[in-house]
Amino acid sequence: MTTLPPPAVKYFPEDSIEKKCYSFAESLKDYLPVPNDRNRLAFNIYRYVKGEGDVPEVMVRNTKVKIEGITASELAKKIE
Protein backbone atom coordinates (compact mmCIF):
# COMPACT_ATOMS: atom_id res chain seq x y z
CA MET A 1 0.00 0.00 0.00
CA THR A 2 1.31 3.44 -0.87
CA THR A 3 0.51 6.84 0.46
CA LEU A 4 -0.27 9.44 -2.14
CA PRO A 5 0.56 13.11 -1.68
CA PRO A 6 -2.35 15.41 -0.87
CA PRO A 7 -3.93 17.30 -3.75
CA ALA A 8 -2.62 20.74 -4.55
CA VAL A 9 -4.41 23.70 -3.02
CA LYS A 10 -5.74 26.34 -5.38
CA TYR A 11 -5.89 29.69 -3.60
CA PHE A 12 -8.34 32.48 -4.40
CA PRO A 13 -7.00 35.52 -6.30
CA GLU A 14 -6.20 38.46 -4.01
CA ASP A 15 -8.98 40.64 -5.46
CA SER A 16 -11.75 38.02 -5.24
CA ILE A 17 -14.76 38.36 -2.96
CA GLU A 18 -13.93 35.03 -1.32
CA LYS A 19 -10.41 36.12 -0.39
CA LYS A 20 -11.67 39.41 1.04
CA CYS A 21 -14.31 37.65 3.16
CA TYR A 22 -11.91 35.03 4.50
CA SER A 23 -9.20 37.65 5.16
CA PHE A 24 -11.70 39.79 7.06
CA ALA A 25 -12.76 36.82 9.18
CA GLU A 26 -9.11 36.00 9.84
CA SER A 27 -8.57 39.58 11.04
CA LEU A 28 -11.09 38.85 13.82
CA LYS A 29 -8.87 36.16 15.38
CA ASP A 30 -8.57 38.18 18.61
CA TYR A 31 -12.32 37.75 19.09
CA LEU A 32 -12.74 34.32 17.45
CA PRO A 33 -10.00 32.01 18.81
CA VAL A 34 -11.15 28.84 17.00
CA PRO A 35 -9.97 28.62 13.33
CA ASN A 36 -13.00 26.59 12.23
CA ASP A 37 -15.28 29.27 13.70
CA ARG A 38 -13.52 31.89 11.57
CA ASN A 39 -13.93 29.72 8.47
CA ARG A 40 -17.61 29.15 9.19
CA LEU A 41 -18.16 32.87 9.76
CA ALA A 42 -16.22 33.73 6.57
CA PHE A 43 -18.44 31.44 4.52
CA ASN A 44 -21.53 33.11 5.95
CA ILE A 45 -20.07 36.58 5.30
CA TYR A 46 -19.45 35.50 1.70
CA ARG A 47 -23.08 34.38 1.36
CA TYR A 48 -24.23 37.70 2.89
CA VAL A 49 -22.12 39.70 0.41
CA LYS A 50 -23.55 37.66 -2.48
CA GLY A 51 -27.08 38.43 -1.25
CA GLU A 52 -27.87 34.86 -0.21
CA GLY A 53 -27.13 34.90 3.52
CA ASP A 54 -28.58 36.28 6.71
CA VAL A 55 -28.00 39.75 8.11
CA PRO A 56 -24.96 39.97 10.44
CA GLU A 57 -27.00 39.89 13.68
CA VAL A 58 -28.65 36.61 12.67
CA MET A 59 -25.44 35.28 11.13
CA VAL A 60 -23.41 35.67 14.34
CA ARG A 61 -26.12 33.95 16.36
CA ASN A 62 -26.69 31.08 13.92
CA THR A 63 -23.03 30.24 13.29
CA LYS A 64 -22.61 29.56 17.03
CA VAL A 65 -19.03 30.83 17.07
CA LYS A 66 -17.06 31.16 20.30
CA ILE A 67 -16.66 34.90 20.90
CA GLU A 68 -14.13 36.34 23.37
CA GLY A 69 -13.59 39.96 24.41
CA ILE A 70 -16.52 41.40 22.48
CA THR A 71 -20.29 40.99 22.48
CA ALA A 72 -22.20 39.33 19.65
CA SER A 73 -23.88 42.62 18.73
CA GLU A 74 -20.51 44.42 18.53
CA LEU A 75 -19.18 41.65 16.30
CA ALA A 76 -22.23 41.99 14.05
CA LYS A 77 -21.57 45.74 13.75
CA LYS A 78 -17.96 45.06 12.72
CA ILE A 79 -19.22 42.72 9.99
CA GLU A 80 -21.62 45.34 8.60
PDB file of N, CA and C in Angstrom:
ATOM      1  N   MET A   1       0.852  -1.178   0.000  1.00  0.00           N
ATOM      2  CA  MET A   1       0.000   0.000   0.000  1.00  0.00           C
ATOM      3  C   MET A   1       0.897   1.240   0.000  1.00  0.00           C
ATOM      4  N   THR A   2       0.529   2.210  -0.793  1.00  0.00           N
ATOM      5  CA  THR A   2       1.314   3.437  -0.870  1.00  0.00           C
ATOM      6  C   THR A   2       0.480   4.619  -0.403  1.00  0.00           C
ATOM      7  N   THR A   3       1.175   5.610   0.047  1.00  0.00           N
ATOM      8  CA  THR A   3       0.514   6.842   0.464  1.00  0.00           C
ATOM      9  C   THR A   3       0.726   7.887  -0.620  1.00  0.00           C
ATOM     10  N   LEU A   4      -0.348   8.427  -1.088  1.00  0.00           N
ATOM     11  CA  LEU A   4      -0.271   9.438  -2.136  1.00  0.00           C
ATOM     12  C   LEU A   4      -0.153  10.826  -1.520  1.00  0.00           C
ATOM     13  N   PRO A   5       0.494  11.744  -2.211  1.00  0.00           N
ATOM     14  CA  PRO A   5       0.564  13.109  -1.682  1.00  0.00           C
ATOM     15  C   PRO A   5      -0.818  13.758  -1.726  1.00  0.00           C
ATOM     16  N   PRO A   6      -1.046  14.726  -0.850  1.00  0.00           N
ATOM     17  CA  PRO A   6      -2.349  15.409  -0.870  1.00  0.00           C
ATOM     18  C   PRO A   6      -2.508  16.213  -2.156  1.00  0.00           C
ATOM     19  N   PRO A   7      -3.731  16.493  -2.537  1.00  0.00           N
ATOM     20  CA  PRO A   7      -3.935  17.298  -3.746  1.00  0.00           C
ATOM     21  C   PRO A   7      -3.438  18.726  -3.538  1.00  0.00           C
ATOM     22  N   ALA A   8      -3.090  19.355  -4.607  1.00  0.00           N
ATOM     23  CA  ALA A   8      -2.615  20.741  -4.546  1.00  0.00           C
ATOM     24  C   ALA A   8      -3.762  21.663  -4.152  1.00  0.00           C
ATOM     25  N   VAL A   9      -3.420  22.725  -3.461  1.00  0.00           N
ATOM     26  CA  VAL A   9      -4.414  23.700  -3.019  1.00  0.00           C
ATOM     27  C   VAL A   9      -4.424  24.856  -4.007  1.00  0.00           C
ATOM     28  N   LYS A  10      -5.596  25.199  -4.476  1.00  0.00           N
ATOM     29  CA  LYS A  10      -5.742  26.337  -5.377  1.00  0.00           C
ATOM     30  C   LYS A  10      -6.296  27.507  -4.560  1.00  0.00           C
ATOM     31  N   TYR A  11      -5.497  28.545  -4.396  1.00  0.00           N
ATOM     32  CA  TYR A  11      -5.890  29.691  -3.598  1.00  0.00           C
ATOM     33  C   TYR A  11      -6.705  30.672  -4.428  1.00  0.00           C
ATOM     34  N   PHE A  12      -7.544  31.454  -3.730  1.00  0.00           N
ATOM     35  CA  PHE A  12      -8.336  32.481  -4.396  1.00  0.00           C
ATOM     36  C   PHE A  12      -7.430  33.626  -4.826  1.00  0.00           C
ATOM     37  N   PRO A  13      -7.751  34.312  -5.927  1.00  0.00           N
ATOM     38  CA  PRO A  13      -7.001  35.523  -6.296  1.00  0.00           C
ATOM     39  C   PRO A  13      -7.176  36.592  -5.206  1.00  0.00           C
ATOM     40  N   GLU A  14      -6.187  37.448  -5.068  1.00  0.00           N
ATOM     41  CA  GLU A  14      -6.204  38.464  -4.013  1.00  0.00           C
ATOM     42  C   GLU A  14      -7.393  39.413  -4.104  1.00  0.00           C
ATOM     43  N   ASP A  15      -7.894  39.674  -5.298  1.00  0.00           N
ATOM     44  CA  ASP A  15      -8.979  40.636  -5.456  1.00  0.00           C
ATOM     45  C   ASP A  15     -10.360  39.986  -5.490  1.00  0.00           C
ATOM     46  N   SER A  16     -10.452  38.708  -5.187  1.00  0.00           N
ATOM     47  CA  SER A  16     -11.746  38.021  -5.239  1.00  0.00           C
ATOM     48  C   SER A  16     -12.568  38.297  -3.979  1.00  0.00           C
ATOM     49  N   ILE A  17     -13.857  38.162  -4.097  1.00  0.00           N
ATOM     50  CA  ILE A  17     -14.760  38.360  -2.959  1.00  0.00           C
ATOM     51  C   ILE A  17     -14.467  37.331  -1.876  1.00  0.00           C
ATOM     52  N   GLU A  18     -14.211  36.098  -2.280  1.00  0.00           N
ATOM     53  CA  GLU A  18     -13.935  35.034  -1.318  1.00  0.00           C
ATOM     54  C   GLU A  18     -12.717  35.360  -0.465  1.00  0.00           C
ATOM     55  N   LYS A  19     -11.643  35.792  -1.109  1.00  0.00           N
ATOM     56  CA  LYS A  19     -10.410  36.117  -0.394  1.00  0.00           C
ATOM     57  C   LYS A  19     -10.637  37.264   0.582  1.00  0.00           C
ATOM     58  N   LYS A  20     -11.394  38.271   0.163  1.00  0.00           N
ATOM     59  CA  LYS A  20     -11.671  39.409   1.041  1.00  0.00           C
ATOM     60  C   LYS A  20     -12.479  38.978   2.257  1.00  0.00           C
ATOM     61  N   CYS A  21     -13.475  38.116   2.057  1.00  0.00           N
ATOM     62  CA  CYS A  21     -14.314  37.648   3.165  1.00  0.00           C
ATOM     63  C   CYS A  21     -13.504  36.813   4.150  1.00  0.00           C
ATOM     64  N   TYR A  22     -12.703  35.891   3.628  1.00  0.00           N
ATOM     65  CA  TYR A  22     -11.909  35.032   4.504  1.00  0.00           C
ATOM     66  C   TYR A  22     -10.800  35.823   5.201  1.00  0.00           C
ATOM     67  N   SER A  23     -10.217  36.806   4.531  1.00  0.00           N
ATOM     68  CA  SER A  23      -9.204  37.655   5.161  1.00  0.00           C
ATOM     69  C   SER A  23      -9.816  38.501   6.267  1.00  0.00           C
ATOM     70  N   PHE A  24     -11.023  39.005   6.026  1.00  0.00           N
ATOM     71  CA  PHE A  24     -11.702  39.789   7.057  1.00  0.00           C
ATOM     72  C   PHE A  24     -11.983  38.925   8.281  1.00  0.00           C
ATOM     73  N   ALA A  25     -12.482  37.719   8.064  1.00  0.00           N
ATOM     74  CA  ALA A  25     -12.764  36.819   9.184  1.00  0.00           C
ATOM     75  C   ALA A  25     -11.477  36.471   9.927  1.00  0.00           C
ATOM     76  N   GLU A  26     -10.389  36.310   9.205  1.00  0.00           N
ATOM     77  CA  GLU A  26      -9.105  36.001   9.840  1.00  0.00           C
ATOM     78  C   GLU A  26      -8.617  37.183  10.670  1.00  0.00           C
ATOM     79  N   SER A  27      -8.969  38.399  10.275  1.00  0.00           N
ATOM     80  CA  SER A  27      -8.568  39.578  11.043  1.00  0.00           C
ATOM     81  C   SER A  27      -9.292  39.662  12.386  1.00  0.00           C
ATOM     82  N   LEU A  28     -10.331  38.874  12.559  1.00  0.00           N
ATOM     83  CA  LEU A  28     -11.085  38.853  13.817  1.00  0.00           C
ATOM     84  C   LEU A  28     -10.585  37.780  14.771  1.00  0.00           C
ATOM     85  N   LYS A  29      -9.359  37.277  14.576  1.00  0.00           N
ATOM     86  CA  LYS A  29      -8.875  36.162  15.384  1.00  0.00           C
ATOM     87  C   LYS A  29      -8.710  36.512  16.859  1.00  0.00           C
ATOM     88  N   ASP A  30      -8.622  37.792  17.193  1.00  0.00           N
ATOM     89  CA  ASP A  30      -8.573  38.177  18.607  1.00  0.00           C
ATOM     90  C   ASP A  30      -9.908  37.905  19.293  1.00  0.00           C
ATOM     91  N   TYR A  31     -10.981  37.967  18.542  1.00  0.00           N
ATOM     92  CA  TYR A  31     -12.321  37.753  19.088  1.00  0.00           C
ATOM     93  C   TYR A  31     -12.830  36.335  18.845  1.00  0.00           C
ATOM     94  N   LEU A  32     -12.316  35.674  17.818  1.00  0.00           N
ATOM     95  CA  LEU A  32     -12.741  34.316  17.454  1.00  0.00           C
ATOM     96  C   LEU A  32     -11.512  33.406  17.508  1.00  0.00           C
ATOM     97  N   PRO A  33     -11.241  32.779  18.656  1.00  0.00           N
ATOM     98  CA  PRO A  33     -10.005  32.010  18.812  1.00  0.00           C
ATOM     99  C   PRO A  33      -9.964  30.685  18.046  1.00  0.00           C
ATOM    100  N   VAL A  34     -11.104  30.152  17.651  1.00  0.00           N
ATOM    101  CA  VAL A  34     -11.148  28.841  16.997  1.00  0.00           C
ATOM    102  C   VAL A  34     -11.098  29.020  15.470  1.00  0.00           C
ATOM    103  N   PRO A  35     -10.087  28.449  14.797  1.00  0.00           N
ATOM    104  CA  PRO A  35      -9.967  28.618  13.335  1.00  0.00           C
ATOM    105  C   PRO A  35     -11.200  28.157  12.559  1.00  0.00           C
ATOM    106  N   ASN A  36     -11.813  27.062  12.948  1.00  0.00           N
ATOM    107  CA  ASN A  36     -13.004  26.592  12.228  1.00  0.00           C
ATOM    108  C   ASN A  36     -14.165  27.568  12.377  1.00  0.00           C
ATOM    109  N   ASP A  37     -14.247  28.249  13.517  1.00  0.00           N
ATOM    110  CA  ASP A  37     -15.283  29.270  13.700  1.00  0.00           C
ATOM    111  C   ASP A  37     -15.076  30.419  12.720  1.00  0.00           C
ATOM    112  N   ARG A  38     -13.814  30.806  12.528  1.00  0.00           N
ATOM    113  CA  ARG A  38     -13.520  31.886  11.573  1.00  0.00           C
ATOM    114  C   ARG A  38     -13.870  31.459  10.153  1.00  0.00           C
ATOM    115  N   ASN A  39     -13.575  30.214   9.805  1.00  0.00           N
ATOM    116  CA  ASN A  39     -13.927  29.719   8.467  1.00  0.00           C
ATOM    117  C   ASN A  39     -15.434  29.678   8.270  1.00  0.00           C
ATOM    118  N   ARG A  40     -16.149  29.224   9.287  1.00  0.00           N
ATOM    119  CA  ARG A  40     -17.611  29.153   9.193  1.00  0.00           C
ATOM    120  C   ARG A  40     -18.206  30.551   9.062  1.00  0.00           C
ATOM    121  N   LEU A  41     -17.681  31.492   9.841  1.00  0.00           N
ATOM    122  CA  LEU A  41     -18.161  32.871   9.755  1.00  0.00           C
ATOM    123  C   LEU A  41     -17.817  33.479   8.392  1.00  0.00           C
ATOM    124  N   ALA A  42     -16.625  33.199   7.879  1.00  0.00           N
ATOM    125  CA  ALA A  42     -16.222  33.734   6.573  1.00  0.00           C
ATOM    126  C   ALA A  42     -17.148  33.240   5.472  1.00  0.00           C
ATOM    127  N   PHE A  43     -17.519  31.972   5.520  1.00  0.00           N
ATOM    128  CA  PHE A  43     -18.437  31.435   4.515  1.00  0.00           C
ATOM    129  C   PHE A  43     -19.779  32.150   4.585  1.00  0.00           C
ATOM    130  N   ASN A  44     -20.255  32.414   5.800  1.00  0.00           N
ATOM    131  CA  ASN A  44     -21.530  33.114   5.949  1.00  0.00           C
ATOM    132  C   ASN A  44     -21.422  34.578   5.538  1.00  0.00           C
ATOM    133  N   ILE A  45     -20.282  35.206   5.774  1.00  0.00           N
ATOM    134  CA  ILE A  45     -20.066  36.577   5.301  1.00  0.00           C
ATOM    135  C   ILE A  45     -20.091  36.591   3.773  1.00  0.00           C
ATOM    136  N   TYR A  46     -19.455  35.606   3.159  1.00  0.00           N
ATOM    137  CA  TYR A  46     -19.455  35.496   1.698  1.00  0.00           C
ATOM    138  C   TYR A  46     -20.881  35.372   1.173  1.00  0.00           C
ATOM    139  N   ARG A  47     -21.683  34.541   1.789  1.00  0.00           N
ATOM    140  CA  ARG A  47     -23.079  34.380   1.364  1.00  0.00           C
ATOM    141  C   ARG A  47     -23.849  35.687   1.543  1.00  0.00           C
ATOM    142  N   TYR A  48     -23.571  36.420   2.629  1.00  0.00           N
ATOM    143  CA  TYR A  48     -24.227  37.704   2.885  1.00  0.00           C
ATOM    144  C   TYR A  48     -23.857  38.716   1.798  1.00  0.00           C
ATOM    145  N   VAL A  49     -22.585  38.767   1.442  1.00  0.00           N
ATOM    146  CA  VAL A  49     -22.122  39.699   0.413  1.00  0.00           C
ATOM    147  C   VAL A  49     -22.757  39.373  -0.938  1.00  0.00           C
ATOM    148  N   LYS A  50     -22.929  38.090  -1.218  1.00  0.00           N
ATOM    149  CA  LYS A  50     -23.546  37.663  -2.475  1.00  0.00           C
ATOM    150  C   LYS A  50     -25.061  37.849  -2.474  1.00  0.00           C
ATOM    151  N   GLY A  51     -25.649  38.218  -1.337  1.00  0.00           N
ATOM    152  CA  GLY A  51     -27.085  38.433  -1.250  1.00  0.00           C
ATOM    153  C   GLY A  51     -27.877  37.184  -0.923  1.00  0.00           C
ATOM    154  N   GLU A  52     -27.203  36.123  -0.504  1.00  0.00           N
ATOM    155  CA  GLU A  52     -27.873  34.860  -0.211  1.00  0.00           C
ATOM    156  C   GLU A  52     -27.995  34.578   1.284  1.00  0.00           C
ATOM    157  N   GLY A  53     -27.204  35.239   2.103  1.00  0.00           N
ATOM    158  CA  GLY A  53     -27.135  34.900   3.516  1.00  0.00           C
ATOM    159  C   GLY A  53     -27.968  35.798   4.402  1.00  0.00           C
ATOM    160  N   ASP A  54     -27.860  35.522   5.696  1.00  0.00           N
ATOM    161  CA  ASP A  54     -28.582  36.279   6.711  1.00  0.00           C
ATOM    162  C   ASP A  54     -27.870  37.594   7.008  1.00  0.00           C
ATOM    163  N   VAL A  55     -28.599  38.498   7.648  1.00  0.00           N
ATOM    164  CA  VAL A  55     -27.996  39.751   8.106  1.00  0.00           C
ATOM    165  C   VAL A  55     -27.003  39.422   9.220  1.00  0.00           C
ATOM    166  N   PRO A  56     -26.008  40.292   9.475  1.00  0.00           N
ATOM    167  CA  PRO A  56     -24.960  39.973  10.442  1.00  0.00           C
ATOM    168  C   PRO A  56     -25.453  39.587  11.842  1.00  0.00           C
ATOM    169  N   GLU A  57     -26.510  40.224  12.343  1.00  0.00           N
ATOM    170  CA  GLU A  57     -26.996  39.885  13.684  1.00  0.00           C
ATOM    171  C   GLU A  57     -27.439  38.424  13.746  1.00  0.00           C
ATOM    172  N   VAL A  58     -28.164  37.993  12.732  1.00  0.00           N
ATOM    173  CA  VAL A  58     -28.647  36.610  12.670  1.00  0.00           C
ATOM    174  C   VAL A  58     -27.479  35.668  12.380  1.00  0.00           C
ATOM    175  N   MET A  59     -26.589  36.089  11.510  1.00  0.00           N
ATOM    176  CA  MET A  59     -25.440  35.275  11.128  1.00  0.00           C
ATOM    177  C   MET A  59     -24.578  34.921  12.337  1.00  0.00           C
ATOM    178  N   VAL A  60     -24.260  35.908  13.166  1.00  0.00           N
ATOM    179  CA  VAL A  60     -23.415  35.671  14.337  1.00  0.00           C
ATOM    180  C   VAL A  60     -24.094  34.704  15.299  1.00  0.00           C
ATOM    181  N   ARG A  61     -25.389  34.843  15.466  1.00  0.00           N
ATOM    182  CA  ARG A  61     -26.120  33.953  16.364  1.00  0.00           C
ATOM    183  C   ARG A  61     -26.193  32.533  15.802  1.00  0.00           C
ATOM    184  N   ASN A  62     -26.488  32.399  14.516  1.00  0.00           N
ATOM    185  CA  ASN A  62     -26.693  31.080  13.923  1.00  0.00           C
ATOM    186  C   ASN A  62     -25.405  30.297  13.688  1.00  0.00           C
ATOM    187  N   THR A  63     -24.283  30.965  13.507  1.00  0.00           N
ATOM    188  CA  THR A  63     -23.030  30.239  13.285  1.00  0.00           C
ATOM    189  C   THR A  63     -22.491  29.634  14.574  1.00  0.00           C
ATOM    190  N   LYS A  64     -22.979  30.105  15.721  1.00  0.00           N
ATOM    191  CA  LYS A  64     -22.605  29.563  17.034  1.00  0.00           C
ATOM    192  C   LYS A  64     -21.092  29.574  17.247  1.00  0.00           C
ATOM    193  N   VAL A  65     -20.470  30.694  16.884  1.00  0.00           N
ATOM    194  CA  VAL A  65     -19.031  30.830  17.066  1.00  0.00           C
ATOM    195  C   VAL A  65     -18.720  31.187  18.514  1.00  0.00           C
ATOM    196  N   LYS A  66     -17.522  30.816  18.959  1.00  0.00           N
ATOM    197  CA  LYS A  66     -17.063  31.160  20.303  1.00  0.00           C
ATOM    198  C   LYS A  66     -16.457  32.559  20.238  1.00  0.00           C
ATOM    199  N   ILE A  67     -17.078  33.498  20.943  1.00  0.00           N
ATOM    200  CA  ILE A  67     -16.659  34.899  20.900  1.00  0.00           C
ATOM    201  C   ILE A  67     -15.996  35.251  22.228  1.00  0.00           C
ATOM    202  N   GLU A  68     -14.838  35.911  22.167  1.00  0.00           N
ATOM    203  CA  GLU A  68     -14.128  36.343  23.371  1.00  0.00           C
ATOM    204  C   GLU A  68     -13.771  37.820  23.266  1.00  0.00           C
ATOM    205  N   GLY A  69     -14.009  38.566  24.340  1.00  0.00           N
ATOM    206  CA  GLY A  69     -13.586  39.957  24.407  1.00  0.00           C
ATOM    207  C   GLY A  69     -14.478  40.958  23.704  1.00  0.00           C
ATOM    208  N   ILE A  70     -15.604  40.522  23.195  1.00  0.00           N
ATOM    209  CA  ILE A  70     -16.524  41.395  22.478  1.00  0.00           C
ATOM    210  C   ILE A  70     -17.907  40.746  22.547  1.00  0.00           C
ATOM    211  N   THR A  71     -18.939  41.557  22.473  1.00  0.00           N
ATOM    212  CA  THR A  71     -20.288  40.985  22.480  1.00  0.00           C
ATOM    213  C   THR A  71     -20.688  40.593  21.056  1.00  0.00           C
ATOM    214  N   ALA A  72     -21.713  39.781  20.964  1.00  0.00           N
ATOM    215  CA  ALA A  72     -22.196  39.333  19.653  1.00  0.00           C
ATOM    216  C   ALA A  72     -22.704  40.512  18.827  1.00  0.00           C
ATOM    217  N   SER A  73     -23.369  41.472  19.478  1.00  0.00           N
ATOM    218  CA  SER A  73     -23.884  42.623  18.729  1.00  0.00           C
ATOM    219  C   SER A  73     -22.744  43.515  18.222  1.00  0.00           C
ATOM    220  N   GLU A  74     -21.663  43.646  18.998  1.00  0.00           N
ATOM    221  CA  GLU A  74     -20.509  44.423  18.534  1.00  0.00           C
ATOM    222  C   GLU A  74     -19.824  43.729  17.357  1.00  0.00           C
ATOM    223  N   LEU A  75     -19.760  42.401  17.414  1.00  0.00           N
ATOM    224  CA  LEU A  75     -19.182  41.646  16.304  1.00  0.00           C
ATOM    225  C   LEU A  75     -20.022  41.817  15.043  1.00  0.00           C
ATOM    226  N   ALA A  76     -21.332  41.796  15.201  1.00  0.00           N
ATOM    227  CA  ALA A  76     -22.228  41.987  14.052  1.00  0.00           C
ATOM    228  C   ALA A  76     -22.030  43.370  13.437  1.00  0.00           C
ATOM    229  N   LYS A  77     -21.805  44.391  14.271  1.00  0.00           N
ATOM    230  CA  LYS A  77     -21.566  45.745  13.753  1.00  0.00           C
ATOM    231  C   LYS A  77     -20.253  45.817  12.983  1.00  0.00           C
ATOM    232  N   LYS A  78     -19.232  45.080  13.442  1.00  0.00           N
ATOM    233  CA  LYS A  78     -17.958  45.055  12.719  1.00  0.00           C
ATOM    234  C   LYS A  78     -18.127  44.415  11.343  1.00  0.00           C
ATOM    235  N   ILE A  79     -18.996  43.417  11.258  1.00  0.00           N
ATOM    236  CA  ILE A  79     -19.225  42.720   9.991  1.00  0.00           C
ATOM    237  C   ILE A  79     -19.946  43.622   9.004  1.00  0.00           C
ATOM    238  N   GLU A  80     -20.876  44.435   9.492  1.00  0.00           N
ATOM    239  CA  GLU A  80     -21.617  45.342   8.600  1.00  0.00           C
ATOM    240  C   GLU A  80     -20.653  46.306   7.975  1.00  0.00           C
TER     241      GLU A  80
END
